[in-house]
Amino acid sequence: MTTTAASTSRSAARPSRLQAVLLDMDGTLVDTEDFWWEAESSILADLGHRLDARERKVVVGGPMTRVVDHLLAVTGADLAPEELGGMINDRFAELIGQGVPLRPGAKALLEELTAHEIPTALVTASHRRILDLVLRSIGAHHFHTTVAGDEVSRTKPHPEPYLRAARRLGAEPARCVVIEDAPTGVAAAEAAGCAVLAVPSVAEIQPAPGRVVHASLAHVSLAVLRALV
């Protein structure tokens, strides 16, 4: 009988059009969406504004500018956008200070990509200081480059973050696979011309041409990613 491990090993040894794998962070590799929601809702609660749980699907996936604008619009809080954004980031940094849990299958997939020397990038709408904190849990050695939301002029759903990551890795976008959990990230990846593997965390994502959807990363392997390009 052929084992999954043996099959994956043989697939990984074949020539492939896959040049790079670009991975989202929050909700995709690490289970931080609860932390973000707690940071956002608790800050607004401190200011006397109760967030409806339905807003969670709206703010998932960032970017922070869009999240802040929406929260200010629905609550009417008397704060400048940069002030509220700073407060949310500070609260989130406090919450993840002791580490964050990885999503099912994330560790095994990253280890497989590293073992096969597949060029990888971590691409997030979160700011650099948050990315660096989360890297302590994920492992910086798994990534050849990282792109934070405050390092691009236009972040997700604009394609710039994924285009920048592909360029840094010397890869053609069409030969990259992006792994995402949120509609904004999927939109950014598809606008960049990348194939997409979606693992929805909060908001629903439907399959589409050039996009496959998995319930989690638990059964995602290098062979699965190579098949997408």
C-alpha atoms as a PDB file:
ATOM      1  CA  MET A   1       0.000   0.000   0.000  1.00  0.00           C
ATOM      2  CA  THR A   2       1.303   3.485  -0.866  1.00  0.00           C
ATOM      3  CA  THR A   3       1.464   5.814   2.116  1.00  0.00           C
ATOM      4  CA  THR A   4       0.613   9.495   1.967  1.00  0.00           C
ATOM      5  CA  ALA A   5       4.156  10.357   3.074  1.00  0.00           C
ATOM      6  CA  ALA A   6       5.700   8.291   0.294  1.00  0.00           C
ATOM      7  CA  SER A   7       3.350   9.749  -2.303  1.00  0.00           C
ATOM      8  CA  THR A   8       4.096  13.285  -1.161  1.00  0.00           C
ATOM      9  CA  SER A   9       7.848  12.601  -1.232  1.00  0.00           C
ATOM     10  CA  ARG A  10       7.706  11.366  -4.833  1.00  0.00           C
ATOM     11  CA  SER A  11       5.536  14.321  -5.875  1.00  0.00           C
ATOM     12  CA  ALA A  12       7.932  16.731  -4.227  1.00  0.00           C
ATOM     13  CA  ALA A  13      10.818  15.233  -6.191  1.00  0.00           C
ATOM     14  CA  ARG A  14       9.212  15.877  -9.577  1.00  0.00           C
ATOM     15  CA  PRO A  15       9.904  19.057 -11.573  1.00  0.00           C
ATOM     16  CA  SER A  16       7.375  21.735 -10.688  1.00  0.00           C
ATOM     17  CA  ARG A  17       6.170  25.065 -11.957  1.00  0.00           C
ATOM     18  CA  LEU A  18       5.803  26.244  -8.348  1.00  0.00           C
ATOM     19  CA  GLN A  19       8.371  28.956  -7.604  1.00  0.00           C
ATOM     20  CA  ALA A  20       7.245  30.265  -4.210  1.00  0.00           C
ATOM     21  CA  VAL A  21       4.633  30.009  -1.483  1.00  0.00           C
ATOM     22  CA  LEU A  22       3.296  33.230   0.034  1.00  0.00           C
ATOM     23  CA  LEU A  23       1.501  32.846   3.342  1.00  0.00           C
ATOM     24  CA  ASP A  24      -0.833  35.105   5.264  1.00  0.00           C
ATOM     25  CA  MET A  25      -0.334  35.209   9.032  1.00  0.00           C
ATOM     26  CA  ASP A  26      -3.399  35.994  11.191  1.00  0.00           C
ATOM     27  CA  GLY A  27      -6.044  33.299  10.955  1.00  0.00           C
ATOM     28  CA  THR A  28      -4.007  31.324   8.421  1.00  0.00           C
ATOM     29  CA  LEU A  29      -0.861  30.195  10.238  1.00  0.00           C
ATOM     30  CA  VAL A  30      -1.681  31.398  13.734  1.00  0.00           C
ATOM     31  CA  ASP A  31      -4.957  31.510  15.609  1.00  0.00           C
ATOM     32  CA  THR A  32      -4.955  35.235  16.345  1.00  0.00           C
ATOM     33  CA  GLU A  33      -8.360  36.325  15.063  1.00  0.00           C
ATOM     34  CA  ASP A  34      -9.821  35.867  18.561  1.00  0.00           C
ATOM     35  CA  PHE A  35      -7.038  38.078  19.941  1.00  0.00           C
ATOM     36  CA  TRP A  36      -7.722  40.786  17.350  1.00  0.00           C
ATOM     37  CA  TRP A  37     -11.443  40.730  18.077  1.00  0.00           C
ATOM     38  CA  GLU A  38     -10.801  40.874  21.819  1.00  0.00           C
ATOM     39  CA  ALA A  39      -8.443  43.835  21.335  1.00  0.00           C
ATOM     40  CA  GLU A  40     -10.931  45.694  19.137  1.00  0.00           C
ATOM     41  CA  SER A  41     -14.031  44.974  21.197  1.00  0.00           C
ATOM     42  CA  SER A  42     -12.396  45.568  24.578  1.00  0.00           C
ATOM     43  CA  ILE A  43     -10.923  48.920  23.528  1.00  0.00           C
ATOM     44  CA  LEU A  44     -14.318  50.082  22.259  1.00  0.00           C
ATOM     45  CA  ALA A  45     -15.988  48.738  25.416  1.00  0.00           C
ATOM     46  CA  ASP A  46     -13.546  50.778  27.517  1.00  0.00           C
ATOM     47  CA  LEU A  47     -14.746  53.805  25.562  1.00  0.00           C
ATOM     48  CA  GLY A  48     -18.398  52.964  26.181  1.00  0.00           C
ATOM     49  CA  HIS A  49     -19.212  51.324  22.844  1.00  0.00           C
ATOM     50  CA  ARG A  50     -20.427  47.724  22.576  1.00  0.00           C
ATOM     51  CA  LEU A  51     -19.569  45.968  19.312  1.00  0.00           C
ATOM     52  CA  ASP A  52     -22.133  43.645  17.790  1.00  0.00           C
ATOM     53  CA  ALA A  53     -20.652  40.198  17.124  1.00  0.00           C
ATOM     54  CA  ARG A  54     -21.756  40.537  13.486  1.00  0.00           C
ATOM     55  CA  GLU A  55     -19.049  43.154  12.985  1.00  0.00           C
ATOM     56  CA  ARG A  56     -16.413  40.470  13.395  1.00  0.00           C
ATOM     57  CA  LYS A  57     -16.939  39.136   9.878  1.00  0.00           C
ATOM     58  CA  VAL A  58     -16.569  42.667   8.524  1.00  0.00           C
ATOM     59  CA  VAL A  59     -13.240  43.461  10.188  1.00  0.00           C
ATOM     60  CA  VAL A  60     -11.546  40.065   9.756  1.00  0.00           C
ATOM     61  CA  GLY A  61      -8.425  40.190   7.615  1.00  0.00           C
ATOM     62  CA  GLY A  62      -7.717  43.892   8.080  1.00  0.00           C
ATOM     63  CA  PRO A  63      -6.091  46.081   6.987  1.00  0.00           C
ATOM     64  CA  MET A  64      -6.000  48.221  10.114  1.00  0.00           C
ATOM     65  CA  THR A  65      -6.990  51.384   8.232  1.00  0.00           C
ATOM     66  CA  ARG A  66     -10.160  49.727   6.951  1.00  0.00           C
ATOM     67  CA  VAL A  67     -10.908  48.149  10.345  1.00  0.00           C
ATOM     68  CA  VAL A  68     -10.486  51.437  12.190  1.00  0.00           C
ATOM     69  CA  ASP A  69     -12.582  53.392   9.704  1.00  0.00           C
ATOM     70  CA  HIS A  70     -15.367  50.836  10.006  1.00  0.00           C
ATOM     71  CA  LEU A  71     -15.270  50.726  13.807  1.00  0.00           C
ATOM     72  CA  LEU A  72     -15.389  54.502  14.030  1.00  0.00           C
ATOM     73  CA  ALA A  73     -18.314  54.577  11.598  1.00  0.00           C
ATOM     74  CA  VAL A  74     -20.417  52.009  13.478  1.00  0.00           C
ATOM     75  CA  THR A  75     -19.654  53.280  17.000  1.00  0.00           C
ATOM     76  CA  GLY A  76     -19.264  57.009  16.489  1.00  0.00           C
ATOM     77  CA  ALA A  77     -16.299  56.989  18.883  1.00  0.00           C
ATOM     78  CA  ASP A  78     -14.688  60.418  19.167  1.00  0.00           C
ATOM     79  CA  LEU A  79     -11.146  59.409  18.233  1.00  0.00           C
ATOM     80  CA  ALA A  80      -8.777  60.066  15.372  1.00  0.00           C
ATOM     81  CA  PRO A  81      -8.231  56.938  13.240  1.00  0.00           C
ATOM     82  CA  GLU A  82      -4.529  56.769  14.071  1.00  0.00           C
ATOM     83  CA  GLU A  83      -5.337  57.026  17.782  1.00  0.00           C
ATOM     84  CA  LEU A  84      -7.780  54.127  17.754  1.00  0.00           C
ATOM     85  CA  GLY A  85      -5.446  52.075  15.548  1.00  0.00           C
ATOM     86  CA  GLY A  86      -2.588  52.603  17.984  1.00  0.00           C
ATOM     87  CA  MET A  87      -4.761  51.597  20.941  1.00  0.00           C
ATOM     88  CA  ILE A  88      -5.888  48.395  19.218  1.00  0.00           C
ATOM     89  CA  ASN A  89      -2.335  47.453  18.235  1.00  0.00           C
ATOM     90  CA  ASP A  90      -1.102  48.082  21.768  1.00  0.00           C
ATOM     91  CA  ARG A  91      -3.862  45.927  23.291  1.00  0.00           C
ATOM     92  CA  PHE A  92      -3.218  43.159  20.739  1.00  0.00           C
ATOM     93  CA  ALA A  93       0.519  43.192  21.476  1.00  0.00           C
ATOM     94  CA  GLU A  94      -0.275  42.750  25.173  1.00  0.00           C
ATOM     95  CA  LEU A  95      -2.569  39.810  24.461  1.00  0.00           C
ATOM     96  CA  ILE A  96      -0.064  37.897  22.311  1.00  0.00           C
ATOM     97  CA  GLY A  97       2.954  38.673  24.478  1.00  0.00           C
ATOM     98  CA  GLN A  98       3.138  35.104  25.779  1.00  0.00           C
ATOM     99  CA  GLY A  99       2.838  33.494  22.352  1.00  0.00           C
ATOM    100  CA  VAL A 100       0.050  32.465  20.001  1.00  0.00           C
ATOM    101  CA  PRO A 101      -1.248  29.026  18.967  1.00  0.00           C
ATOM    102  CA  LEU A 102      -0.587  27.755  15.459  1.00  0.00           C
ATOM    103  CA  ARG A 103      -3.498  26.696  13.265  1.00  0.00           C
ATOM    104  CA  PRO A 104      -3.923  22.930  12.654  1.00  0.00           C
ATOM    105  CA  GLY A 105      -1.437  21.708  10.063  1.00  0.00           C
ATOM    106  CA  ALA A 106       0.582  24.935   9.964  1.00  0.00           C
ATOM    107  CA  LYS A 107       3.669  23.556  11.695  1.00  0.00           C
ATOM    108  CA  ALA A 108       3.877  20.443   9.502  1.00  0.00           C
ATOM    109  CA  LEU A 109       3.395  22.425   6.283  1.00  0.00           C
ATOM    110  CA  LEU A 110       6.056  24.992   7.181  1.00  0.00           C
ATOM    111  CA  GLU A 111       8.496  22.239   8.092  1.00  0.00           C
ATOM    112  CA  GLU A 112       7.860  20.490   4.763  1.00  0.00           C
ATOM    113  CA  LEU A 113       8.366  23.697   2.769  1.00  0.00           C
ATOM    114  CA  THR A 114      11.577  24.393   4.680  1.00  0.00           C
ATOM    115  CA  ALA A 115      12.864  20.836   4.216  1.00  0.00           C
ATOM    116  CA  HIS A 116      12.358  21.096   0.434  1.00  0.00           C
ATOM    117  CA  GLU A 117      13.859  24.610   0.324  1.00  0.00           C
ATOM    118  CA  ILE A 118      10.753  26.165  -1.201  1.00  0.00           C
ATOM    119  CA  PRO A 119      11.048  29.989  -1.235  1.00  0.00           C
ATOM    120  CA  THR A 120       8.470  31.365   1.192  1.00  0.00           C
ATOM    121  CA  ALA A 121       7.191  34.760   2.302  1.00  0.00           C
ATOM    122  CA  LEU A 122       5.030  35.796   5.235  1.00  0.00           C
ATOM    123  CA  VAL A 123       2.663  38.521   4.011  1.00  0.00           C
ATOM    124  CA  THR A 124       0.387  40.233   6.523  1.00  0.00           C
ATOM    125  CA  ALA A 125      -1.754  43.321   6.972  1.00  0.00           C
ATOM    126  CA  SER A 126      -0.469  43.508  10.559  1.00  0.00           C
ATOM    127  CA  HIS A 127       2.236  46.026  11.395  1.00  0.00           C
ATOM    128  CA  ARG A 128       5.912  45.092  11.617  1.00  0.00           C
ATOM    129  CA  ARG A 129       6.062  45.065  15.411  1.00  0.00           C
ATOM    130  CA  ILE A 130       3.127  42.636  15.515  1.00  0.00           C
ATOM    131  CA  LEU A 131       4.648  40.460  12.792  1.00  0.00           C
ATOM    132  CA  ASP A 132       7.917  40.220  14.693  1.00  0.00           C
ATOM    133  CA  LEU A 133       6.095  39.225  17.896  1.00  0.00           C
ATOM    134  CA  VAL A 134       4.158  36.479  16.109  1.00  0.00           C
ATOM    135  CA  LEU A 135       7.311  35.207  14.393  1.00  0.00           C
ATOM    136  CA  ARG A 136       8.501  34.061  17.812  1.00  0.00           C
ATOM    137  CA  SER A 137       5.706  31.485  17.750  1.00  0.00           C
ATOM    138  CA  ILE A 138       5.900  30.577  14.054  1.00  0.00           C
ATOM    139  CA  GLY A 139       9.671  30.511  13.598  1.00  0.00           C
ATOM    140  CA  ALA A 140      11.422  33.151  11.504  1.00  0.00           C
ATOM    141  CA  HIS A 141      13.673  30.498   9.927  1.00  0.00           C
ATOM    142  CA  HIS A 142      10.732  29.253   7.849  1.00  0.00           C
ATOM    143  CA  PHE A 143      10.581  32.440   5.756  1.00  0.00           C
ATOM    144  CA  HIS A 144      12.920  33.921   3.186  1.00  0.00           C
ATOM    145  CA  THR A 145      11.237  37.320   3.455  1.00  0.00           C
ATOM    146  CA  THR A 146       8.364  39.024   5.293  1.00  0.00           C
ATOM    147  CA  VAL A 147       6.075  41.889   4.285  1.00  0.00           C
ATOM    148  CA  ALA A 148       4.144  43.872   6.924  1.00  0.00           C
ATOM    149  CA  GLY A 149       1.102  46.058   6.387  1.00  0.00           C
ATOM    150  CA  ASP A 150       2.868  49.261   7.411  1.00  0.00           C
ATOM    151  CA  GLU A 151       5.671  48.641   4.902  1.00  0.00           C
ATOM    152  CA  VAL A 152       3.558  48.989   1.765  1.00  0.00           C
ATOM    153  CA  SER A 153       1.735  52.019   0.397  1.00  0.00           C
ATOM    154  CA  ARG A 154      -1.409  49.964  -0.259  1.00  0.00           C
ATOM    155  CA  THR A 155      -2.115  46.817   1.706  1.00  0.00           C
ATOM    156  CA  LYS A 156      -4.665  44.041   1.223  1.00  0.00           C
ATOM    157  CA  PRO A 157      -7.018  43.839  -0.672  1.00  0.00           C
ATOM    158  CA  HIS A 158      -4.607  45.666  -3.013  1.00  0.00           C
ATOM    159  CA  PRO A 159      -2.147  43.270  -4.710  1.00  0.00           C
ATOM    160  CA  GLU A 160       0.960  45.288  -3.722  1.00  0.00           C
ATOM    161  CA  PRO A 161       1.952  43.124  -0.702  1.00  0.00           C
ATOM    162  CA  TYR A 162       1.904  39.894  -2.699  1.00  0.00           C
ATOM    163  CA  LEU A 163       3.558  41.449  -5.724  1.00  0.00           C
ATOM    164  CA  ARG A 164       6.336  42.762  -3.490  1.00  0.00           C
ATOM    165  CA  ALA A 165       6.827  39.378  -1.844  1.00  0.00           C
ATOM    166  CA  ALA A 166       7.025  37.588  -5.211  1.00  0.00           C
ATOM    167  CA  ARG A 167       9.484  40.161  -6.518  1.00  0.00           C
ATOM    168  CA  ARG A 168      11.736  39.751  -3.477  1.00  0.00           C
ATOM    169  CA  LEU A 169      11.787  35.998  -4.033  1.00  0.00           C
ATOM    170  CA  GLY A 170      12.471  36.385  -7.752  1.00  0.00           C
ATOM    171  CA  ALA A 171       9.245  34.548  -8.551  1.00  0.00           C
ATOM    172  CA  GLU A 172       6.555  35.113 -11.164  1.00  0.00           C
ATOM    173  CA  PRO A 173       3.188  35.769  -9.459  1.00  0.00           C
ATOM    174  CA  ALA A 174       1.494  33.198 -11.696  1.00  0.00           C
ATOM    175  CA  ARG A 175       3.894  30.575 -10.341  1.00  0.00           C
ATOM    176  CA  CYS A 176       3.225  31.440  -6.711  1.00  0.00           C
ATOM    177  CA  VAL A 177       0.607  29.940  -4.415  1.00  0.00           C
ATOM    178  CA  VAL A 178      -0.901  32.201  -1.770  1.00  0.00           C
ATOM    179  CA  ILE A 179      -2.423  30.672   1.357  1.00  0.00           C
ATOM    180  CA  GLU A 180      -5.093  32.912   2.897  1.00  0.00           C
ATOM    181  CA  ASP A 181      -7.992  32.768   5.351  1.00  0.00           C
ATOM    182  CA  ALA A 182      -9.844  36.051   4.674  1.00  0.00           C
ATOM    183  CA  PRO A 183     -11.692  37.495   1.652  1.00  0.00           C
ATOM    184  CA  THR A 184      -9.517  40.630   1.631  1.00  0.00           C
ATOM    185  CA  GLY A 185      -6.367  38.542   1.382  1.00  0.00           C
ATOM    186  CA  VAL A 186      -7.840  36.303  -1.299  1.00  0.00           C
ATOM    187  CA  ALA A 187      -8.757  39.403  -3.310  1.00  0.00           C
ATOM    188  CA  ALA A 188      -5.199  40.723  -2.979  1.00  0.00           C
ATOM    189  CA  ALA A 189      -3.660  37.418  -4.074  1.00  0.00           C
ATOM    190  CA  GLU A 190      -5.938  37.021  -7.063  1.00  0.00           C
ATOM    191  CA  ALA A 191      -5.385  40.618  -8.132  1.00  0.00           C
ATOM    192  CA  ALA A 192      -1.645  39.860  -8.045  1.00  0.00           C
ATOM    193  CA  GLY A 193      -2.197  36.927 -10.399  1.00  0.00           C
ATOM    194  CA  CYS A 194      -1.383  34.174  -7.905  1.00  0.00           C
ATOM    195  CA  ALA A 195      -3.067  30.834  -7.384  1.00  0.00           C
ATOM    196  CA  VAL A 196      -4.924  30.714  -4.067  1.00  0.00           C
ATOM    197  CA  LEU A 197      -5.479  28.080  -1.430  1.00  0.00           C
ATOM    198  CA  ALA A 198      -8.034  29.394   1.059  1.00  0.00           C
ATOM    199  CA  VAL A 199      -8.505  28.091   4.592  1.00  0.00           C
ATOM    200  CA  PRO A 200     -11.393  30.239   5.921  1.00  0.00           C
ATOM    201  CA  SER A 201     -11.239  31.172   9.594  1.00  0.00           C
ATOM    202  CA  VAL A 202     -14.170  33.537  10.254  1.00  0.00           C
ATOM    203  CA  ALA A 203     -15.655  34.729   6.956  1.00  0.00           C
ATOM    204  CA  GLU A 204     -16.848  32.237   4.342  1.00  0.00           C
ATOM    205  CA  ILE A 205     -14.865  31.802   1.107  1.00  0.00           C
ATOM    206  CA  GLN A 206     -16.186  29.939  -1.920  1.00  0.00           C
ATOM    207  CA  PRO A 207     -14.134  28.001  -4.492  1.00  0.00           C
ATOM    208  CA  ALA A 208     -13.538  29.805  -7.799  1.00  0.00           C
ATOM    209  CA  PRO A 209     -11.316  29.490 -10.884  1.00  0.00           C
ATOM    210  CA  GLY A 210      -7.704  29.543  -9.690  1.00  0.00           C
ATOM    211  CA  ARG A 211      -8.840  29.137  -6.063  1.00  0.00           C
ATOM    212  CA  VAL A 212      -9.331  26.027  -3.952  1.00  0.00           C
ATOM    213  CA  VAL A 213     -10.777  25.957  -0.463  1.00  0.00           C
ATOM    214  CA  HIS A 214      -9.714  23.601   2.346  1.00  0.00           C
ATOM    215  CA  ALA A 215     -11.233  23.394   5.804  1.00  0.00           C
ATOM    216  CA  SER A 216      -7.755  23.666   7.339  1.00  0.00           C
ATOM    217  CA  LEU A 217      -4.060  23.176   6.618  1.00  0.00           C
ATOM    218  CA  ALA A 218      -4.171  19.733   8.212  1.00  0.00           C
ATOM    219  CA  HIS A 219      -4.154  17.929   4.861  1.00  0.00           C
ATOM    220  CA  VAL A 220      -2.301  20.524   2.799  1.00  0.00           C
ATOM    221  CA  SER A 221       1.102  19.347   1.578  1.00  0.00           C
ATOM    222  CA  LEU A 222       3.731  20.526  -0.869  1.00  0.00           C
ATOM    223  CA  ALA A 223       2.223  18.151  -3.434  1.00  0.00           C
ATOM    224  CA  VAL A 224      -1.165  19.862  -3.034  1.00  0.00           C
ATOM    225  CA  LEU A 225       0.410  23.298  -3.536  1.00  0.00           C
ATOM    226  CA  ARG A 226       2.396  22.195  -6.585  1.00  0.00           C
ATOM    227  CA  ALA A 227      -0.772  20.901  -8.200  1.00  0.00           C
ATOM    228  CA  LEU A 228      -2.269  24.400  -8.087  1.00  0.00           C
ATOM    229  CA  VAL A 229       0.229  25.829 -10.603  1.00  0.00           C
END
